[in-house]
Amino acid sequence: MNTDIRALSDKEIHAVSGGMKWDHNYVSKDVIDARGGYLTVWGVTMTFDINGKCSSISPA
């Protein structure tokens, strides 16, 4: 068993099945920042950033 530690190449990372691949340049409006939160009241969802400021309002 080889236990050497090394960085994987981009080709090796893309060959991995499963797991999460993160693109720092991609932003999705469908993702809620887990460091903040959200609140749904009367069919309206409000999302909040890490500082508690409302970052979006949308129908639930």
Protein backbone atom coordinates (compact mmCIF):
# COMPACT_ATOMS: atom_id res chain seq x y z
CA MET A 1 0.00 0.00 0.00
CA ASN A 2 1.41 3.39 -1.04
CA THR A 3 0.96 6.02 1.69
CA ASP A 4 2.82 8.90 0.04
CA ILE A 5 1.06 12.26 0.29
CA ARG A 6 0.93 14.36 -2.86
CA ALA A 7 -1.34 16.81 -4.64
CA LEU A 8 -3.65 15.30 -7.24
CA SER A 9 -3.56 16.59 -10.80
CA ASP A 10 -6.67 18.12 -12.39
CA LYS A 11 -7.02 14.99 -14.51
CA GLU A 12 -6.98 12.75 -11.41
CA ILE A 13 -9.52 14.92 -9.59
CA HIS A 14 -11.95 14.82 -12.53
CA ALA A 15 -11.57 11.04 -12.73
CA VAL A 16 -12.83 10.58 -9.16
CA SER A 17 -16.39 9.29 -9.00
CA GLY A 18 -18.53 11.02 -6.40
CA GLY A 19 -17.52 13.80 -4.08
CA MET A 20 -17.89 17.51 -4.59
CA LYS A 21 -16.11 19.55 -7.24
CA TRP A 22 -16.01 23.26 -6.42
CA ASP A 23 -15.64 26.01 -9.00
CA HIS A 24 -14.83 29.29 -7.23
CA ASN A 25 -16.11 31.26 -10.24
CA TYR A 26 -19.60 29.70 -10.35
CA VAL A 27 -22.42 31.39 -8.41
CA SER A 28 -25.87 29.83 -8.22
CA LYS A 29 -28.95 31.77 -7.10
CA ASP A 30 -30.44 28.43 -5.93
CA VAL A 31 -27.83 27.91 -3.18
CA ILE A 32 -28.29 29.35 0.32
CA ASP A 33 -25.10 30.25 2.16
CA ALA A 34 -24.99 27.81 5.09
CA ARG A 35 -23.17 30.35 7.28
CA GLY A 36 -26.24 32.60 7.26
CA GLY A 37 -29.71 31.17 7.17
CA TYR A 38 -33.23 31.59 5.91
CA LEU A 39 -36.74 32.22 7.18
CA THR A 40 -40.03 31.42 5.45
CA VAL A 41 -43.09 33.39 6.56
CA TRP A 42 -46.50 33.51 4.81
CA GLY A 43 -45.09 31.98 1.61
CA VAL A 44 -42.07 34.31 1.37
CA THR A 45 -38.50 33.08 1.93
CA MET A 46 -35.86 35.54 3.16
CA THR A 47 -32.20 34.54 3.18
CA PHE A 48 -29.60 36.11 5.44
CA ASP A 49 -25.83 36.39 5.16
CA ILE A 50 -23.34 35.59 7.95
CA ASN A 51 -23.84 39.09 9.41
CA GLY A 52 -27.63 38.75 9.62
CA LYS A 53 -28.37 41.10 6.71
CA CYS A 54 -31.15 40.06 4.35
CA SER A 55 -29.53 38.91 1.10
CA SER A 56 -32.64 37.91 -0.89
CA ILE A 57 -36.43 37.67 -0.76
CA SER A 58 -38.33 35.20 -2.93
CA PRO A 59 -41.67 33.37 -3.05
CA ALA A 60 -41.53 30.00 -1.30
